[in-house]
Amino acid sequence: MGFIQEFKAFAVKGNMVDLAVGVIIGGAFGKIVTSLVSDIIMPPLGLITGGINFEDMKLVLRNAGVGVNGKTIEPLTWNYGSFIQHSVDFLLVALSIFLVIKTMNQLRRSAPPEVEVVPEPEPTAEDVLLLTEIRDLLKKQR
């Protein structure tokens, strides 16, 4: 099988299309969860912690200044608040996916198993039965 035919067989498989749809929906779902965390969950959490915006939480490692050559040196910060927010994002996405998969598995288990229906063989026509008997009689005569 040539490279192009092999690639075509791989790309057209149903699994590949399912994966592409999953990635697209996952990206959109990630945006929803990010908005949920940053717009809904973190503001009340910041209020509880005294009005702290987690995105603003950082530790300055080096202050801004002017270098020897006259160029402005940007401050160097350790942004641990952003890390906290992204960690909460991850936990909510992981929890959501876990709940969806758990629900799908429960639905699969509760569905009745599919029973394979085996069709009964068609009755043999009279002329075929007659020809079979004739063949058997001819074999006996030899």
N, C-alpha and C. Protein backbone atom coordinates (compact mmCIF):
# COMPACT_ATOMS: atom_id res chain seq x y z
N MET A 1 0.85 -1.17 0.00
CA MET A 1 0.00 0.00 0.00
C MET A 1 0.90 1.23 0.00
N GLY A 2 0.62 2.16 -0.89
CA GLY A 2 1.43 3.36 -0.99
C GLY A 2 1.21 4.31 0.19
N PHE A 3 2.12 5.25 0.32
CA PHE A 3 2.07 6.20 1.43
C PHE A 3 0.78 7.01 1.40
N ILE A 4 0.39 7.47 0.23
CA ILE A 4 -0.81 8.32 0.11
C ILE A 4 -2.07 7.53 0.46
N GLN A 5 -2.16 6.29 -0.04
CA GLN A 5 -3.33 5.47 0.28
C GLN A 5 -3.38 5.17 1.77
N GLU A 6 -2.21 4.88 2.36
CA GLU A 6 -2.17 4.59 3.79
C GLU A 6 -2.58 5.81 4.62
N PHE A 7 -2.09 6.99 4.21
CA PHE A 7 -2.46 8.21 4.91
C PHE A 7 -3.95 8.49 4.76
N LYS A 8 -4.48 8.28 3.57
CA LYS A 8 -5.90 8.50 3.32
C LYS A 8 -6.75 7.57 4.19
N ALA A 9 -6.36 6.31 4.29
CA ALA A 9 -7.09 5.35 5.12
C ALA A 9 -7.04 5.77 6.58
N PHE A 10 -5.89 6.30 7.01
CA PHE A 10 -5.75 6.76 8.40
C PHE A 10 -6.60 8.00 8.66
N ALA A 11 -6.56 8.96 7.74
CA ALA A 11 -7.23 10.24 7.96
C ALA A 11 -8.74 10.14 7.88
N VAL A 12 -9.25 9.17 7.14
CA VAL A 12 -10.69 9.09 6.96
C VAL A 12 -11.36 8.20 8.00
N LYS A 13 -10.57 7.55 8.85
CA LYS A 13 -11.16 6.70 9.87
C LYS A 13 -12.07 7.52 10.76
N GLY A 14 -13.11 6.90 11.27
CA GLY A 14 -14.05 7.57 12.16
C GLY A 14 -13.38 8.09 13.41
N ASN A 15 -12.37 7.37 13.93
CA ASN A 15 -11.68 7.80 15.14
C ASN A 15 -11.00 9.14 14.94
N MET A 16 -10.45 9.38 13.76
CA MET A 16 -9.75 10.63 13.49
C MET A 16 -10.73 11.79 13.52
N VAL A 17 -11.89 11.61 12.92
CA VAL A 17 -12.90 12.66 12.92
C VAL A 17 -13.40 12.91 14.35
N ASP A 18 -13.62 11.84 15.10
CA ASP A 18 -14.05 11.98 16.50
C ASP A 18 -13.02 12.75 17.31
N LEU A 19 -11.74 12.46 17.08
CA LEU A 19 -10.68 13.15 17.79
C LEU A 19 -10.68 14.64 17.44
N ALA A 20 -10.84 14.97 16.18
CA ALA A 20 -10.85 16.37 15.77
C ALA A 20 -12.02 17.11 16.42
N VAL A 21 -13.19 16.49 16.42
CA VAL A 21 -14.35 17.11 17.06
C VAL A 21 -14.10 17.28 18.56
N GLY A 22 -13.50 16.28 19.19
CA GLY A 22 -13.20 16.37 20.61
C GLY A 22 -12.24 17.50 20.94
N VAL A 23 -11.23 17.69 20.09
CA VAL A 23 -10.26 18.77 20.32
C VAL A 23 -10.94 20.12 20.20
N ILE A 24 -11.79 20.29 19.20
CA ILE A 24 -12.47 21.56 18.99
C ILE A 24 -13.42 21.85 20.15
N ILE A 25 -14.20 20.87 20.55
CA ILE A 25 -15.13 21.06 21.66
C ILE A 25 -14.35 21.27 22.96
N GLY A 26 -13.24 20.55 23.13
CA GLY A 26 -12.41 20.73 24.32
C GLY A 26 -11.85 22.13 24.42
N GLY A 27 -11.44 22.72 23.31
CA GLY A 27 -10.95 24.10 23.31
C GLY A 27 -12.03 25.08 23.74
N ALA A 28 -13.23 24.89 23.19
CA ALA A 28 -14.34 25.76 23.58
C ALA A 28 -14.72 25.55 25.04
N PHE A 29 -14.69 24.30 25.48
CA PHE A 29 -15.02 23.99 26.87
C PHE A 29 -13.99 24.61 27.82
N GLY A 30 -12.72 24.60 27.41
CA GLY A 30 -11.66 25.21 28.20
C GLY A 30 -11.90 26.71 28.39
N LYS A 31 -12.37 27.37 27.34
CA LYS A 31 -12.66 28.81 27.45
C LYS A 31 -13.81 29.05 28.43
N ILE A 32 -14.81 28.19 28.41
CA ILE A 32 -15.94 28.34 29.33
C ILE A 32 -15.47 28.17 30.76
N VAL A 33 -14.65 27.16 31.01
CA VAL A 33 -14.16 26.92 32.37
C VAL A 33 -13.25 28.06 32.82
N THR A 34 -12.40 28.56 31.92
CA THR A 34 -11.54 29.68 32.26
C THR A 34 -12.37 30.90 32.65
N SER A 35 -13.43 31.16 31.91
CA SER A 35 -14.32 32.27 32.25
C SER A 35 -15.01 32.02 33.58
N LEU A 36 -15.43 30.77 33.82
CA LEU A 36 -16.07 30.43 35.09
C LEU A 36 -15.13 30.72 36.25
N VAL A 37 -13.88 30.32 36.10
CA VAL A 37 -12.92 30.53 37.19
C VAL A 37 -12.60 32.01 37.37
N SER A 38 -12.21 32.68 36.27
CA SER A 38 -11.74 34.06 36.41
C SER A 38 -12.87 35.05 36.65
N ASP A 39 -14.06 34.81 36.13
CA ASP A 39 -15.15 35.78 36.25
C ASP A 39 -16.16 35.46 37.35
N ILE A 40 -16.28 34.20 37.74
CA ILE A 40 -17.32 33.82 38.70
C ILE A 40 -16.73 33.35 40.03
N ILE A 41 -15.74 32.47 39.98
CA ILE A 41 -15.22 31.88 41.22
C ILE A 41 -14.18 32.76 41.91
N MET A 42 -13.22 33.29 41.15
CA MET A 42 -12.11 34.02 41.76
C MET A 42 -12.53 35.36 42.39
N PRO A 43 -13.45 36.15 41.82
CA PRO A 43 -13.82 37.41 42.50
C PRO A 43 -14.37 37.20 43.92
N PRO A 44 -15.33 36.27 44.14
CA PRO A 44 -15.76 36.06 45.53
C PRO A 44 -14.64 35.51 46.41
N LEU A 45 -13.78 34.66 45.84
CA LEU A 45 -12.67 34.14 46.61
C LEU A 45 -11.72 35.28 47.00
N GLY A 46 -11.51 36.21 46.09
CA GLY A 46 -10.71 37.38 46.40
C GLY A 46 -11.36 38.24 47.46
N LEU A 47 -12.68 38.34 47.42
CA LEU A 47 -13.42 39.11 48.43
C LEU A 47 -13.28 38.47 49.80
N ILE A 48 -13.37 37.14 49.83
CA ILE A 48 -13.22 36.41 51.10
C ILE A 48 -11.81 36.62 51.66
N THR A 49 -10.83 36.65 50.77
CA THR A 49 -9.44 36.81 51.22
C THR A 49 -9.05 38.26 51.39
N GLY A 50 -10.01 39.17 51.42
CA GLY A 50 -9.71 40.58 51.68
C GLY A 50 -9.55 41.41 50.42
N GLY A 51 -10.25 41.08 49.37
CA GLY A 51 -10.21 41.88 48.14
C GLY A 51 -8.97 41.65 47.30
N ILE A 52 -8.32 40.53 47.47
CA ILE A 52 -7.10 40.24 46.72
C ILE A 52 -7.48 39.73 45.33
N ASN A 53 -6.88 40.32 44.32
CA ASN A 53 -7.01 39.82 42.96
C ASN A 53 -5.84 38.88 42.74
N PHE A 54 -6.11 37.63 42.49
CA PHE A 54 -5.04 36.64 42.39
C PHE A 54 -4.08 36.94 41.24
N GLU A 55 -4.57 37.56 40.18
CA GLU A 55 -3.69 37.91 39.07
C GLU A 55 -2.65 38.94 39.49
N ASP A 56 -2.97 39.76 40.48
CA ASP A 56 -2.04 40.79 40.94
C ASP A 56 -1.05 40.28 41.99
N MET A 57 -1.25 39.05 42.46
CA MET A 57 -0.36 38.51 43.48
C MET A 57 0.96 38.11 42.84
N LYS A 58 2.03 38.78 43.23
CA LYS A 58 3.35 38.48 42.67
C LYS A 58 4.42 38.92 43.66
N LEU A 59 5.56 38.35 43.52
CA LEU A 59 6.71 38.69 44.34
C LEU A 59 7.74 39.32 43.41
N VAL A 60 8.14 40.55 43.72
CA VAL A 60 9.10 41.26 42.88
C VAL A 60 10.50 40.77 43.23
N LEU A 61 11.16 40.17 42.25
CA LEU A 61 12.52 39.68 42.44
C LEU A 61 13.55 40.76 42.11
N ARG A 62 13.22 41.61 41.15
CA ARG A 62 14.10 42.73 40.78
C ARG A 62 13.21 43.89 40.36
N ASN A 63 13.43 45.07 40.93
CA ASN A 63 12.65 46.25 40.60
C ASN A 63 13.03 46.78 39.23
N ALA A 64 12.12 47.57 38.65
CA ALA A 64 12.41 48.22 37.39
C ALA A 64 13.48 49.27 37.61
N GLY A 65 14.21 49.55 36.59
CA GLY A 65 15.26 50.56 36.71
C GLY A 65 15.83 50.89 35.36
N VAL A 66 16.92 51.63 35.41
CA VAL A 66 17.61 52.02 34.18
C VAL A 66 18.98 51.37 34.20
N GLY A 67 19.31 50.69 33.11
CA GLY A 67 20.59 50.00 33.02
C GLY A 67 21.74 50.95 32.77
N VAL A 68 22.94 50.40 32.72
CA VAL A 68 24.16 51.17 32.50
C VAL A 68 24.13 51.88 31.16
N ASN A 69 23.59 51.23 30.15
CA ASN A 69 23.54 51.81 28.81
C ASN A 69 22.33 52.72 28.60
N GLY A 70 21.55 52.97 29.62
CA GLY A 70 20.41 53.88 29.54
C GLY A 70 19.11 53.21 29.15
N LYS A 71 19.13 51.91 28.93
CA LYS A 71 17.89 51.19 28.59
C LYS A 71 17.10 50.90 29.86
N THR A 72 15.77 50.89 29.72
CA THR A 72 14.89 50.60 30.85
C THR A 72 14.90 49.10 31.12
N ILE A 73 15.07 48.73 32.37
CA ILE A 73 15.05 47.33 32.76
C ILE A 73 13.67 47.04 33.36
N GLU A 74 12.98 46.07 32.78
CA GLU A 74 11.65 45.69 33.27
C GLU A 74 11.79 44.99 34.62
N PRO A 75 10.76 45.12 35.47
CA PRO A 75 10.83 44.41 36.75
C PRO A 75 10.75 42.90 36.52
N LEU A 76 11.40 42.14 37.35
CA LEU A 76 11.37 40.69 37.29
C LEU A 76 10.48 40.22 38.44
N THR A 77 9.38 39.52 38.09
CA THR A 77 8.41 39.14 39.13
C THR A 77 8.15 37.65 39.08
N TRP A 78 7.77 37.15 40.23
CA TRP A 78 7.36 35.76 40.37
C TRP A 78 5.85 35.79 40.54
N ASN A 79 5.09 35.40 39.51
CA ASN A 79 3.63 35.54 39.45
C ASN A 79 2.93 34.32 40.01
N TYR A 80 2.96 34.14 41.30
CA TYR A 80 2.34 32.97 41.92
C TYR A 80 0.81 33.07 41.93
N GLY A 81 0.24 34.26 41.87
CA GLY A 81 -1.22 34.41 41.81
C GLY A 81 -1.79 33.86 40.52
N SER A 82 -1.08 34.10 39.44
CA SER A 82 -1.51 33.54 38.15
C SER A 82 -1.45 32.02 38.18
N PHE A 83 -0.42 31.50 38.84
CA PHE A 83 -0.30 30.05 38.98
C PHE A 83 -1.48 29.48 39.78
N ILE A 84 -1.89 30.17 40.83
CA ILE A 84 -3.04 29.72 41.63
C ILE A 84 -4.29 29.69 40.76
N GLN A 85 -4.50 30.75 39.98
CA GLN A 85 -5.69 30.82 39.13
C GLN A 85 -5.68 29.71 38.08
N HIS A 86 -4.53 29.47 37.46
CA HIS A 86 -4.45 28.41 36.45
C HIS A 86 -4.61 27.03 37.08
N SER A 87 -4.16 26.86 38.30
CA SER A 87 -4.35 25.59 39.00
C SER A 87 -5.83 25.32 39.27
N VAL A 88 -6.55 26.37 39.67
CA VAL A 88 -8.00 26.22 39.89
C VAL A 88 -8.69 25.91 38.56
N ASP A 89 -8.26 26.56 37.48
CA ASP A 89 -8.79 26.25 36.14
C ASP A 89 -8.62 24.77 35.84
N PHE A 90 -7.40 24.27 36.04
CA PHE A 90 -7.12 22.87 35.74
C PHE A 90 -7.98 21.93 36.57
N LEU A 91 -8.09 22.21 37.86
CA LEU A 91 -8.88 21.33 38.73
C LEU A 91 -10.34 21.29 38.29
N LEU A 92 -10.89 22.44 37.90
CA LEU A 92 -12.29 22.45 37.46
C LEU A 92 -12.46 21.73 36.12
N VAL A 93 -11.52 21.89 35.20
CA VAL A 93 -11.61 21.16 33.93
C VAL A 93 -11.51 19.67 34.18
N ALA A 94 -10.55 19.25 35.01
CA ALA A 94 -10.38 17.82 35.31
C ALA A 94 -11.63 17.26 35.99
N LEU A 95 -12.20 18.00 36.93
CA LEU A 95 -13.42 17.55 37.61
C LEU A 95 -14.58 17.44 36.62
N SER A 96 -14.73 18.42 35.75
CA SER A 96 -15.81 18.39 34.76
C SER A 96 -15.68 17.20 33.83
N ILE A 97 -14.47 16.96 33.32
CA ILE A 97 -14.27 15.82 32.42
C ILE A 97 -14.51 14.51 33.15
N PHE A 98 -14.05 14.42 34.40
CA PHE A 98 -14.29 13.22 35.19
C PHE A 98 -15.79 12.95 35.32
N LEU A 99 -16.57 13.99 35.63
CA LEU A 99 -18.01 13.81 35.80
C LEU A 99 -18.69 13.40 34.50
N VAL A 100 -18.25 13.98 33.38
CA VAL A 100 -18.84 13.62 32.08
C VAL A 100 -18.54 12.17 31.75
N ILE A 101 -17.29 11.75 31.94
CA ILE A 101 -16.92 10.36 31.62
C ILE A 101 -17.62 9.39 32.55
N LYS A 102 -17.72 9.75 33.84
CA LYS A 102 -18.41 8.89 34.79
C LYS A 102 -19.88 8.72 34.40
N THR A 103 -20.52 9.81 34.00
CA THR A 103 -21.93 9.74 33.57
C THR A 103 -22.07 8.87 32.33
N MET A 104 -21.16 9.03 31.36
CA MET A 104 -21.23 8.23 30.14
C MET A 104 -21.05 6.74 30.45
N ASN A 105 -20.12 6.42 31.36
CA ASN A 105 -19.92 5.02 31.73
C ASN A 105 -21.14 4.44 32.43
N GLN A 106 -21.81 5.22 33.27
CA GLN A 106 -23.03 4.75 33.93
C GLN A 106 -24.14 4.52 32.92
N LEU A 107 -24.25 5.40 31.94
CA LEU A 107 -25.27 5.22 30.91
C LEU A 107 -24.99 3.98 30.08
N ARG A 108 -23.72 3.71 29.79
CA ARG A 108 -23.37 2.51 29.04
C ARG A 108 -23.72 1.25 29.81
N ARG A 109 -23.43 1.27 31.13
CA ARG A 109 -23.71 0.08 31.96
C ARG A 109 -25.21 -0.15 32.11
N SER A 110 -25.99 0.94 32.16
CA SER A 110 -27.43 0.78 32.40
C SER A 110 -28.18 0.40 31.13
N ALA A 111 -27.58 0.60 29.98
CA ALA A 111 -28.25 0.23 28.72
C ALA A 111 -28.30 -1.28 28.62
N PRO A 112 -29.42 -1.83 28.16
CA PRO A 112 -29.50 -3.28 28.02
C PRO A 112 -28.52 -3.76 26.95
N PRO A 113 -27.89 -4.89 27.18
CA PRO A 113 -26.93 -5.39 26.20
C PRO A 113 -27.64 -5.73 24.89
N GLU A 114 -26.95 -5.44 23.83
CA GLU A 114 -27.51 -5.72 22.51
C GLU A 114 -27.46 -7.22 22.25
N VAL A 115 -28.59 -7.77 21.86
CA VAL A 115 -28.67 -9.20 21.56
C VAL A 115 -28.51 -9.36 20.06
N GLU A 116 -27.55 -10.19 19.70
CA GLU A 116 -27.31 -10.42 18.29
C GLU A 116 -28.37 -11.38 17.76
N VAL A 117 -29.08 -10.93 16.76
CA VAL A 117 -30.15 -11.74 16.17
C VAL A 117 -29.54 -12.52 15.01
N VAL A 118 -29.58 -13.85 15.14
CA VAL A 118 -29.07 -14.72 14.09
C VAL A 118 -30.25 -15.15 13.23
N PRO A 119 -30.23 -14.78 11.97
CA PRO A 119 -31.35 -15.16 11.11
C PRO A 119 -31.37 -16.67 10.89
N GLU A 120 -32.56 -17.24 10.85
CA GLU A 120 -32.70 -18.67 10.59
C GLU A 120 -32.39 -18.93 9.13
N PRO A 121 -31.77 -20.06 8.84
CA PRO A 121 -31.46 -20.33 7.43
C PRO A 121 -32.76 -20.50 6.63
N GLU A 122 -32.67 -20.04 5.41
CA GLU A 122 -33.85 -20.14 4.55
C GLU A 122 -34.11 -21.61 4.22
N PRO A 123 -35.37 -21.98 4.18
CA PRO A 123 -35.66 -23.38 3.83
C PRO A 123 -35.17 -23.68 2.41
N THR A 124 -34.65 -24.88 2.26
CA THR A 124 -34.11 -25.28 0.97
C THR A 124 -35.25 -25.61 0.03
N ALA A 125 -35.11 -25.18 -1.18
CA ALA A 125 -36.16 -25.43 -2.17
C ALA A 125 -36.23 -26.93 -2.50
N GLU A 126 -37.39 -27.36 -2.94
CA GLU A 126 -37.61 -28.79 -3.22
C GLU A 126 -36.68 -29.31 -4.29
N ASP A 127 -36.43 -28.51 -5.30
CA ASP A 127 -35.59 -29.00 -6.40
C ASP A 127 -34.14 -29.17 -5.93
N VAL A 128 -33.68 -28.31 -4.98
CA VAL A 128 -32.33 -28.47 -4.46
C VAL A 128 -32.26 -29.74 -3.63
N LEU A 129 -33.30 -30.03 -2.83
CA LEU A 129 -33.32 -31.27 -2.05
C LEU A 129 -33.31 -32.49 -2.96
N LEU A 130 -34.07 -32.42 -4.03
CA LEU A 130 -34.13 -33.52 -4.98
C LEU A 130 -32.78 -33.75 -5.65
N LEU A 131 -32.12 -32.67 -6.05
CA LEU A 131 -30.80 -32.81 -6.67
C LEU A 131 -29.78 -33.35 -5.67
N THR A 132 -29.89 -32.99 -4.42
CA THR A 132 -28.98 -33.50 -3.39
C THR A 132 -29.17 -35.01 -3.23
N GLU A 133 -30.42 -35.46 -3.22
CA GLU A 133 -30.69 -36.89 -3.10
C GLU A 133 -30.14 -37.64 -4.30
N ILE A 134 -30.32 -37.08 -5.48
CA ILE A 134 -29.82 -37.75 -6.70
C ILE A 134 -28.29 -37.85 -6.64
N ARG A 135 -27.63 -36.79 -6.22
CA ARG A 135 -26.17 -36.82 -6.11
C ARG A 135 -25.72 -37.89 -5.13
N ASP A 136 -26.40 -37.97 -3.98
CA ASP A 136 -26.03 -38.96 -2.97
C ASP A 136 -26.23 -40.39 -3.52
N LEU A 137 -27.33 -40.62 -4.25
CA LEU A 137 -27.57 -41.94 -4.83
C LEU A 137 -26.51 -42.30 -5.87
N LEU A 138 -26.09 -41.34 -6.67
CA LEU A 138 -25.06 -41.59 -7.67
C LEU A 138 -23.72 -41.94 -7.00
N LYS A 139 -23.43 -41.28 -5.88
CA LYS A 139 -22.17 -41.59 -5.16
C LYS A 139 -22.21 -43.01 -4.63
N LYS A 140 -23.38 -43.49 -4.16
CA LYS A 140 -23.50 -44.82 -3.64
C LYS A 140 -23.31 -45.88 -4.72
N GLN A 141 -23.79 -45.60 -5.96
CA GLN A 141 -23.69 -46.55 -7.05
C GLN A 141 -22.24 -46.74 -7.49
N ARG A 142 -21.39 -45.82 -7.37
CA ARG A 142 -20.00 -45.93 -7.81
C ARG A 142 -19.27 -46.72 -6.85
